[in-house]
Amino acid sequence: MLALIREISAYTAPDQLLGLFTTAERAAQARDEYLADVARHDPWREQAYHHNVDPALDLRTVPVEDRRRDLGGDTVYALAEFEEAFGQIYVVFSAVFDDLAQAEAAGAALEQREHSCVYYTQVASVPLDGYRWRIESPDDDLWK
């Protein structure tokens, strides 16, 4: 499982999950389509303490642990781990589940560990092999 991530200045917002993909080819296609979309209007062109915002350089594809038992679904639950400290927000998209209860239980277990800063987890429903940035505006909070 691969996550397409838009890196954002930690002083502005957490990194944005643009989509979850089953193959590198689908992630690459999504990357190209995202760059075409933001060429017209980049919702993250203004960021605090961020050197020259460049969507092409701010995109990355990262592996995410796939904990699905049923590989046939078209929606998954993404578990994100957030850390807040000194006015900055960092996020790691750590695992994908096919069951909401399993995702929430995994998040609760992570929150039980000792942490040196504000730490929390959240779960969001994400379309598999879909383009999240076309579903919600960047002002919407995926993690409500």
C-alpha atoms as a PDB file:
ATOM      1  CA  MET A   1       0.000   0.000   0.000  1.00  0.00           C
ATOM      2  CA  LEU A   2       1.334   3.415  -0.964  1.00  0.00           C
ATOM      3  CA  ALA A   3       0.310   6.836   0.307  1.00  0.00           C
ATOM      4  CA  LEU A   4       0.693   9.950  -1.817  1.00  0.00           C
ATOM      5  CA  ILE A   5       1.605  12.755   0.581  1.00  0.00           C
ATOM      6  CA  ARG A   6       1.868  16.522   0.108  1.00  0.00           C
ATOM      7  CA  GLU A   7       4.452  17.854   2.536  1.00  0.00           C
ATOM      8  CA  ILE A   8       3.290  21.030   4.278  1.00  0.00           C
ATOM      9  CA  SER A   9       5.183  23.318   6.622  1.00  0.00           C
ATOM     10  CA  ALA A  10       4.615  21.922  10.117  1.00  0.00           C
ATOM     11  CA  TYR A  11       3.839  25.475  11.245  1.00  0.00           C
ATOM     12  CA  THR A  12       0.926  25.669   8.779  1.00  0.00           C
ATOM     13  CA  ALA A  13      -0.759  22.245   8.858  1.00  0.00           C
ATOM     14  CA  PRO A  14       0.076  18.560   8.968  1.00  0.00           C
ATOM     15  CA  ASP A  15       1.166  16.875   5.749  1.00  0.00           C
ATOM     16  CA  GLN A  16      -1.805  16.091   3.526  1.00  0.00           C
ATOM     17  CA  LEU A  17      -2.844  12.581   2.522  1.00  0.00           C
ATOM     18  CA  LEU A  18      -3.772  12.855  -1.161  1.00  0.00           C
ATOM     19  CA  GLY A  19      -4.658   9.204  -1.649  1.00  0.00           C
ATOM     20  CA  LEU A  20      -3.901   5.558  -0.932  1.00  0.00           C
ATOM     21  CA  PHE A  21      -2.884   3.312  -3.808  1.00  0.00           C
ATOM     22  CA  THR A  22      -2.433  -0.394  -4.397  1.00  0.00           C
ATOM     23  CA  THR A  23       0.330  -0.048  -7.012  1.00  0.00           C
ATOM     24  CA  ALA A  24       3.221   2.279  -7.765  1.00  0.00           C
ATOM     25  CA  GLU A  25       1.736   2.904 -11.208  1.00  0.00           C
ATOM     26  CA  ARG A  26      -1.541   4.184  -9.750  1.00  0.00           C
ATOM     27  CA  ALA A  27       0.340   6.372  -7.265  1.00  0.00           C
ATOM     28  CA  ALA A  28       2.464   7.827 -10.097  1.00  0.00           C
ATOM     29  CA  GLN A  29      -0.649   8.539 -12.166  1.00  0.00           C
ATOM     30  CA  ALA A  30      -2.243  10.283  -9.180  1.00  0.00           C
ATOM     31  CA  ARG A  31       0.924  12.328  -8.659  1.00  0.00           C
ATOM     32  CA  ASP A  32       0.817  13.543 -12.261  1.00  0.00           C
ATOM     33  CA  GLU A  33      -2.884  14.403 -12.030  1.00  0.00           C
ATOM     34  CA  TYR A  34      -2.377  16.255  -8.730  1.00  0.00           C
ATOM     35  CA  LEU A  35       0.405  18.344 -10.255  1.00  0.00           C
ATOM     36  CA  ALA A  36      -1.832  19.182 -13.221  1.00  0.00           C
ATOM     37  CA  ASP A  37      -4.647  20.196 -10.867  1.00  0.00           C
ATOM     38  CA  VAL A  38      -2.493  22.414  -8.625  1.00  0.00           C
ATOM     39  CA  ALA A  39      -0.834  24.074 -11.628  1.00  0.00           C
ATOM     40  CA  ARG A  40      -4.107  25.986 -12.008  1.00  0.00           C
ATOM     41  CA  HIS A  41      -4.515  26.769  -8.298  1.00  0.00           C
ATOM     42  CA  ASP A  42      -2.287  25.513  -5.485  1.00  0.00           C
ATOM     43  CA  PRO A  43      -4.263  25.619  -2.228  1.00  0.00           C
ATOM     44  CA  TRP A  44      -0.985  25.369  -0.279  1.00  0.00           C
ATOM     45  CA  ARG A  45       0.963  28.104  -2.067  1.00  0.00           C
ATOM     46  CA  GLU A  46       1.071  30.181   1.162  1.00  0.00           C
ATOM     47  CA  GLN A  47       2.826  28.426   4.051  1.00  0.00           C
ATOM     48  CA  ALA A  48       4.495  29.605   7.230  1.00  0.00           C
ATOM     49  CA  TYR A  49       8.259  29.115   7.479  1.00  0.00           C
ATOM     50  CA  HIS A  50       8.425  27.118   4.281  1.00  0.00           C
ATOM     51  CA  HIS A  51      11.096  27.616   1.693  1.00  0.00           C
ATOM     52  CA  ASN A  52       9.892  28.104  -1.886  1.00  0.00           C
ATOM     53  CA  VAL A  53       6.732  26.035  -2.106  1.00  0.00           C
ATOM     54  CA  ASP A  54       6.994  23.692  -5.088  1.00  0.00           C
ATOM     55  CA  PRO A  55       4.305  21.014  -5.410  1.00  0.00           C
ATOM     56  CA  ALA A  56       6.570  18.776  -7.502  1.00  0.00           C
ATOM     57  CA  LEU A  57       9.199  18.784  -4.750  1.00  0.00           C
ATOM     58  CA  ASP A  58       6.653  18.615  -1.922  1.00  0.00           C
ATOM     59  CA  LEU A  59       5.088  15.332  -3.109  1.00  0.00           C
ATOM     60  CA  ARG A  60       6.273  11.967  -1.899  1.00  0.00           C
ATOM     61  CA  THR A  61       5.041   8.416  -2.124  1.00  0.00           C
ATOM     62  CA  VAL A  62       5.571   6.377   1.024  1.00  0.00           C
ATOM     63  CA  PRO A  63       4.742   2.788   1.934  1.00  0.00           C
ATOM     64  CA  VAL A  64       2.003   2.335   4.518  1.00  0.00           C
ATOM     65  CA  GLU A  65       1.480  -0.888   6.433  1.00  0.00           C
ATOM     66  CA  ASP A  66      -1.473  -2.765   4.925  1.00  0.00           C
ATOM     67  CA  ARG A  67      -3.450  -4.483   7.706  1.00  0.00           C
ATOM     68  CA  ARG A  68      -6.509  -5.297   5.621  1.00  0.00           C
ATOM     69  CA  ARG A  69      -7.973  -8.768   5.895  1.00  0.00           C
ATOM     70  CA  ASP A  70     -10.404  -8.279   3.018  1.00  0.00           C
ATOM     71  CA  LEU A  71      -8.551  -7.022  -0.040  1.00  0.00           C
ATOM     72  CA  GLY A  72     -11.730  -6.585  -2.093  1.00  0.00           C
ATOM     73  CA  GLY A  73     -13.060  -3.331  -0.645  1.00  0.00           C
ATOM     74  CA  ASP A  74     -12.886   0.066  -2.293  1.00  0.00           C
ATOM     75  CA  THR A  75     -12.751   2.068   0.958  1.00  0.00           C
ATOM     76  CA  VAL A  76     -10.133   1.740   3.679  1.00  0.00           C
ATOM     77  CA  TYR A  77      -9.512   3.277   7.091  1.00  0.00           C
ATOM     78  CA  ALA A  78      -6.248   5.168   7.382  1.00  0.00           C
ATOM     79  CA  LEU A  79      -4.645   5.456  10.813  1.00  0.00           C
ATOM     80  CA  ALA A  80      -2.679   8.653  11.330  1.00  0.00           C
ATOM     81  CA  GLU A  81      -0.386   9.467  14.243  1.00  0.00           C
ATOM     82  CA  PHE A  82      -0.122  13.163  15.128  1.00  0.00           C
ATOM     83  CA  GLU A  83       2.469  14.948  17.261  1.00  0.00           C
ATOM     84  CA  GLU A  84       2.200  18.599  18.245  1.00  0.00           C
ATOM     85  CA  ALA A  85       5.041  20.563  19.805  1.00  0.00           C
ATOM     86  CA  PHE A  86       6.312  24.132  19.713  1.00  0.00           C
ATOM     87  CA  GLY A  87       3.554  25.242  17.329  1.00  0.00           C
ATOM     88  CA  GLN A  88       4.249  22.496  14.821  1.00  0.00           C
ATOM     89  CA  ILE A  89       2.083  19.559  13.752  1.00  0.00           C
ATOM     90  CA  TYR A  90       3.608  16.375  12.363  1.00  0.00           C
ATOM     91  CA  VAL A  91       1.696  13.399  11.025  1.00  0.00           C
ATOM     92  CA  VAL A  92       2.657   9.864  10.057  1.00  0.00           C
ATOM     93  CA  PHE A  93       0.182   7.753   8.101  1.00  0.00           C
ATOM     94  CA  SER A  94       0.995   4.460   9.744  1.00  0.00           C
ATOM     95  CA  ALA A  95      -1.451   1.765   8.655  1.00  0.00           C
ATOM     96  CA  VAL A  96      -4.504   0.957   6.579  1.00  0.00           C
ATOM     97  CA  PHE A  97      -7.372  -1.266   7.724  1.00  0.00           C
ATOM     98  CA  ASP A  98     -10.547  -2.616   6.171  1.00  0.00           C
ATOM     99  CA  ASP A  99     -12.396  -2.484   9.488  1.00  0.00           C
ATOM    100  CA  LEU A 100     -13.075   0.753  11.404  1.00  0.00           C
ATOM    101  CA  ALA A 101     -13.073  -0.945  14.827  1.00  0.00           C
ATOM    102  CA  GLN A 102      -9.654  -2.502  14.168  1.00  0.00           C
ATOM    103  CA  ALA A 103      -8.226   0.850  13.072  1.00  0.00           C
ATOM    104  CA  GLU A 104      -9.584   2.610  16.159  1.00  0.00           C
ATOM    105  CA  ALA A 105      -8.269  -0.156  18.454  1.00  0.00           C
ATOM    106  CA  ALA A 106      -4.798   0.128  16.900  1.00  0.00           C
ATOM    107  CA  GLY A 107      -4.887   3.892  17.432  1.00  0.00           C
ATOM    108  CA  ALA A 108      -5.975   3.512  21.048  1.00  0.00           C
ATOM    109  CA  ALA A 109      -3.095   1.087  21.681  1.00  0.00           C
ATOM    110  CA  LEU A 110      -0.596   3.584  20.236  1.00  0.00           C
ATOM    111  CA  GLU A 111      -1.939   6.368  22.443  1.00  0.00           C
ATOM    112  CA  GLN A 112      -1.294   4.279  25.587  1.00  0.00           C
ATOM    113  CA  ARG A 113       2.479   4.550  25.121  1.00  0.00           C
ATOM    114  CA  GLU A 114       4.516   7.290  26.816  1.00  0.00           C
ATOM    115  CA  HIS A 115       4.965  10.439  24.743  1.00  0.00           C
ATOM    116  CA  SER A 116       7.065  13.537  25.314  1.00  0.00           C
ATOM    117  CA  CYS A 117       4.674  15.886  23.503  1.00  0.00           C
ATOM    118  CA  VAL A 118       0.988  16.105  22.590  1.00  0.00           C
ATOM    119  CA  TYR A 119       0.272  12.865  20.778  1.00  0.00           C
ATOM    120  CA  TYR A 120      -2.953  11.493  19.358  1.00  0.00           C
ATOM    121  CA  THR A 121      -4.244   9.238  16.614  1.00  0.00           C
ATOM    122  CA  GLN A 122      -7.165   9.585  14.274  1.00  0.00           C
ATOM    123  CA  VAL A 123      -8.830   7.354  11.709  1.00  0.00           C
ATOM    124  CA  ALA A 124     -10.321   8.472   8.396  1.00  0.00           C
ATOM    125  CA  SER A 125     -12.246   6.677   5.691  1.00  0.00           C
ATOM    126  CA  VAL A 126     -10.328   6.993   2.410  1.00  0.00           C
ATOM    127  CA  PRO A 127     -11.260   5.702  -1.065  1.00  0.00           C
ATOM    128  CA  LEU A 128      -8.746   3.105  -2.236  1.00  0.00           C
ATOM    129  CA  ASP A 129      -7.043   4.118  -5.496  1.00  0.00           C
ATOM    130  CA  GLY A 130      -9.044   7.353  -5.402  1.00  0.00           C
ATOM    131  CA  TYR A 131      -8.021  10.989  -5.481  1.00  0.00           C
ATOM    132  CA  ARG A 132      -8.842  12.495  -2.112  1.00  0.00           C
ATOM    133  CA  TRP A 133      -7.988  16.053  -3.114  1.00  0.00           C
ATOM    134  CA  ARG A 134     -10.849  15.975  -5.628  1.00  0.00           C
ATOM    135  CA  ILE A 135     -13.357  14.790  -3.027  1.00  0.00           C
ATOM    136  CA  GLU A 136     -12.821  17.423  -0.345  1.00  0.00           C
ATOM    137  CA  SER A 137     -11.320  20.868  -0.414  1.00  0.00           C
ATOM    138  CA  PRO A 138      -7.988  21.346   1.397  1.00  0.00           C
ATOM    139  CA  ASP A 139      -9.868  23.462   3.957  1.00  0.00           C
ATOM    140  CA  ASP A 140     -11.909  20.417   4.987  1.00  0.00           C
ATOM    141  CA  ASP A 141     -10.431  18.367   7.796  1.00  0.00           C
ATOM    142  CA  LEU A 142     -10.037  14.743   6.728  1.00  0.00           C
ATOM    143  CA  TRP A 143      -9.623  13.779  10.348  1.00  0.00           C
ATOM    144  CA  LYS A 144     -12.965  14.993  11.813  1.00  0.00           C
END
